[in-house]
């Protein structure tokens, strides 16, 4: 199996686990994508920092504010976005390549 398909499959499983176990899932915080994004911008000053496909189910977006709050949205092909995780103290880190000979 191609490595990106493995990563994508794992990402989908993680996303599904987050949705199933999150208090947010019980609150059903979903809506039209443009309205959810506008809400995150207005209330939390969060802006998009990254995104990725979740198979054919849609895509994931990460929104972050300068204050450190963050939100992960899962958006369907029909344009419905659901908040699957949110928190604070977001930090950008630098990735250091490991020496393959070590």
C-alpha atoms as a PDB file:
ATOM      1  CA  UNK A   1       0.000   0.000   0.000  1.00  0.00           C
ATOM      2  CA  UNK A   2       1.306   3.448  -0.864  1.00  0.00           C
ATOM      3  CA  UNK A   3       2.511   5.382   2.209  1.00  0.00           C
ATOM      4  CA  UNK A   4       0.238   8.396   1.567  1.00  0.00           C
ATOM      5  CA  UNK A   5      -2.794   6.082   1.493  1.00  0.00           C
ATOM      6  CA  UNK A   6      -1.697   4.639   4.827  1.00  0.00           C
ATOM      7  CA  UNK A   7      -1.318   8.130   6.294  1.00  0.00           C
ATOM      8  CA  UNK A   8      -4.687   9.147   4.861  1.00  0.00           C
ATOM      9  CA  UNK A   9      -6.347   6.063   6.312  1.00  0.00           C
ATOM     10  CA  UNK A  10      -4.792   6.699   9.710  1.00  0.00           C
ATOM     11  CA  UNK A  11      -5.854  10.350   9.550  1.00  0.00           C
ATOM     12  CA  UNK A  12      -9.426   9.320   8.803  1.00  0.00           C
ATOM     13  CA  UNK A  13      -9.405   6.890  11.735  1.00  0.00           C
ATOM     14  CA  UNK A  14      -8.046   9.550  14.074  1.00  0.00           C
ATOM     15  CA  UNK A  15     -10.653  12.021  12.855  1.00  0.00           C
ATOM     16  CA  UNK A  16     -13.427   9.479  13.378  1.00  0.00           C
ATOM     17  CA  UNK A  17     -12.157   8.723  16.887  1.00  0.00           C
ATOM     18  CA  UNK A  18     -12.035  12.412  17.763  1.00  0.00           C
ATOM     19  CA  UNK A  19     -15.565  12.992  16.505  1.00  0.00           C
ATOM     20  CA  UNK A  20     -16.906   9.969  18.364  1.00  0.00           C
ATOM     21  CA  UNK A  21     -15.264  10.855  21.691  1.00  0.00           C
ATOM     22  CA  UNK A  22     -15.489  14.629  21.630  1.00  0.00           C
ATOM     23  CA  UNK A  23     -18.045  16.593  23.639  1.00  0.00           C
ATOM     24  CA  UNK A  24     -18.307  18.703  20.496  1.00  0.00           C
ATOM     25  CA  UNK A  25     -19.845  15.721  18.685  1.00  0.00           C
ATOM     26  CA  UNK A  26     -22.678  15.658  21.199  1.00  0.00           C
ATOM     27  CA  UNK A  27     -23.298  19.349  20.669  1.00  0.00           C
ATOM     28  CA  UNK A  28     -23.567  18.779  16.881  1.00  0.00           C
ATOM     29  CA  UNK A  29     -21.630  21.924  16.051  1.00  0.00           C
ATOM     30  CA  UNK A  30     -22.096  21.721  12.311  1.00  0.00           C
ATOM     31  CA  UNK A  31     -23.312  24.147   9.711  1.00  0.00           C
ATOM     32  CA  UNK A  32     -22.710  25.590   6.293  1.00  0.00           C
ATOM     33  CA  UNK A  33     -18.972  25.940   5.807  1.00  0.00           C
ATOM     34  CA  UNK A  34     -18.984  29.693   5.127  1.00  0.00           C
ATOM     35  CA  UNK A  35     -21.013  30.381   8.270  1.00  0.00           C
ATOM     36  CA  UNK A  36     -18.837  28.195  10.516  1.00  0.00           C
ATOM     37  CA  UNK A  37     -15.651  29.822   9.159  1.00  0.00           C
ATOM     38  CA  UNK A  38     -17.132  33.308   9.625  1.00  0.00           C
ATOM     39  CA  UNK A  39     -18.044  32.382  13.217  1.00  0.00           C
ATOM     40  CA  UNK A  40     -14.475  31.229  13.969  1.00  0.00           C
ATOM     41  CA  UNK A  41     -13.087  34.445  12.509  1.00  0.00           C
ATOM     42  CA  UNK A  42     -15.509  36.768  14.276  1.00  0.00           C
ATOM     43  CA  UNK A  43     -15.627  35.131  17.703  1.00  0.00           C
ATOM     44  CA  UNK A  44     -12.070  33.758  18.014  1.00  0.00           C
ATOM     45  CA  UNK A  45     -10.096  35.655  15.318  1.00  0.00           C
ATOM     46  CA  UNK A  46      -9.002  32.270  13.927  1.00  0.00           C
ATOM     47  CA  UNK A  47      -7.647  31.996  10.400  1.00  0.00           C
ATOM     48  CA  UNK A  48      -6.870  28.950   8.292  1.00  0.00           C
ATOM     49  CA  UNK A  49      -3.340  27.606   8.726  1.00  0.00           C
ATOM     50  CA  UNK A  50      -3.559  24.253   6.946  1.00  0.00           C
ATOM     51  CA  UNK A  51      -5.788  21.677   5.335  1.00  0.00           C
ATOM     52  CA  UNK A  52      -5.810  18.153   3.919  1.00  0.00           C
ATOM     53  CA  UNK A  53      -8.056  15.638   2.227  1.00  0.00           C
ATOM     54  CA  UNK A  54      -9.842  12.971   4.240  1.00  0.00           C
ATOM     55  CA  UNK A  55     -10.281  10.402   1.489  1.00  0.00           C
ATOM     56  CA  UNK A  56     -13.491  10.976  -0.436  1.00  0.00           C
ATOM     57  CA  UNK A  57     -15.283  12.078   2.739  1.00  0.00           C
ATOM     58  CA  UNK A  58     -14.172  15.704   2.489  1.00  0.00           C
ATOM     59  CA  UNK A  59     -11.337  17.714   3.920  1.00  0.00           C
ATOM     60  CA  UNK A  60      -9.934  18.829   7.248  1.00  0.00           C
ATOM     61  CA  UNK A  61      -8.993  22.429   8.009  1.00  0.00           C
ATOM     62  CA  UNK A  62      -6.965  23.825  10.899  1.00  0.00           C
ATOM     63  CA  UNK A  63      -7.796  27.354  12.084  1.00  0.00           C
ATOM     64  CA  UNK A  64      -5.518  29.187  14.531  1.00  0.00           C
ATOM     65  CA  UNK A  65      -5.587  32.584  16.258  1.00  0.00           C
ATOM     66  CA  UNK A  66      -2.625  34.664  17.417  1.00  0.00           C
ATOM     67  CA  UNK A  67      -3.903  34.108  20.970  1.00  0.00           C
ATOM     68  CA  UNK A  68      -3.244  30.360  20.570  1.00  0.00           C
ATOM     69  CA  UNK A  69      -6.800  29.091  20.225  1.00  0.00           C
ATOM     70  CA  UNK A  70      -7.309  26.503  17.470  1.00  0.00           C
ATOM     71  CA  UNK A  71     -10.131  24.607  15.799  1.00  0.00           C
ATOM     72  CA  UNK A  72     -10.208  21.601  13.474  1.00  0.00           C
ATOM     73  CA  UNK A  73     -13.081  21.471  10.988  1.00  0.00           C
ATOM     74  CA  UNK A  74     -14.149  18.499   8.926  1.00  0.00           C
ATOM     75  CA  UNK A  75     -15.995  19.626   5.786  1.00  0.00           C
ATOM     76  CA  UNK A  76     -18.073  17.338   3.570  1.00  0.00           C
ATOM     77  CA  UNK A  77     -18.202  17.581  -0.229  1.00  0.00           C
ATOM     78  CA  UNK A  78     -21.681  19.102   0.234  1.00  0.00           C
ATOM     79  CA  UNK A  79     -20.199  22.070   2.118  1.00  0.00           C
ATOM     80  CA  UNK A  80     -21.213  21.156   5.677  1.00  0.00           C
ATOM     81  CA  UNK A  81     -18.482  21.777   8.257  1.00  0.00           C
ATOM     82  CA  UNK A  82     -18.337  20.231  11.728  1.00  0.00           C
ATOM     83  CA  UNK A  83     -16.040  21.249  14.555  1.00  0.00           C
ATOM     84  CA  UNK A  84     -14.263  18.029  15.523  1.00  0.00           C
ATOM     85  CA  UNK A  85     -11.706  19.436  17.966  1.00  0.00           C
ATOM     86  CA  UNK A  86     -10.757  22.753  19.530  1.00  0.00           C
ATOM     87  CA  UNK A  87      -8.352  24.002  22.147  1.00  0.00           C
ATOM     88  CA  UNK A  88      -5.749  26.551  23.107  1.00  0.00           C
ATOM     89  CA  UNK A  89      -1.981  26.980  23.485  1.00  0.00           C
ATOM     90  CA  UNK A  90      -1.281  26.215  19.815  1.00  0.00           C
ATOM     91  CA  UNK A  91       2.405  26.427  18.891  1.00  0.00           C
ATOM     92  CA  UNK A  92       4.157  26.091  15.573  1.00  0.00           C
ATOM     93  CA  UNK A  93       7.189  23.835  15.839  1.00  0.00           C
ATOM     94  CA  UNK A  94      10.146  23.237  13.565  1.00  0.00           C
ATOM     95  CA  UNK A  95      10.623  19.698  12.355  1.00  0.00           C
ATOM     96  CA  UNK A  96      14.151  18.388  12.613  1.00  0.00           C
ATOM     97  CA  UNK A  97      15.123  15.684  10.146  1.00  0.00           C
ATOM     98  CA  UNK A  98      16.506  12.545  11.751  1.00  0.00           C
ATOM     99  CA  UNK A  99      19.831  11.189  10.545  1.00  0.00           C
ATOM    100  CA  UNK A 100      18.959   7.976   8.646  1.00  0.00           C
ATOM    101  CA  UNK A 101      22.439   6.620   9.477  1.00  0.00           C
ATOM    102  CA  UNK A 102      22.040   7.028  13.220  1.00  0.00           C
END
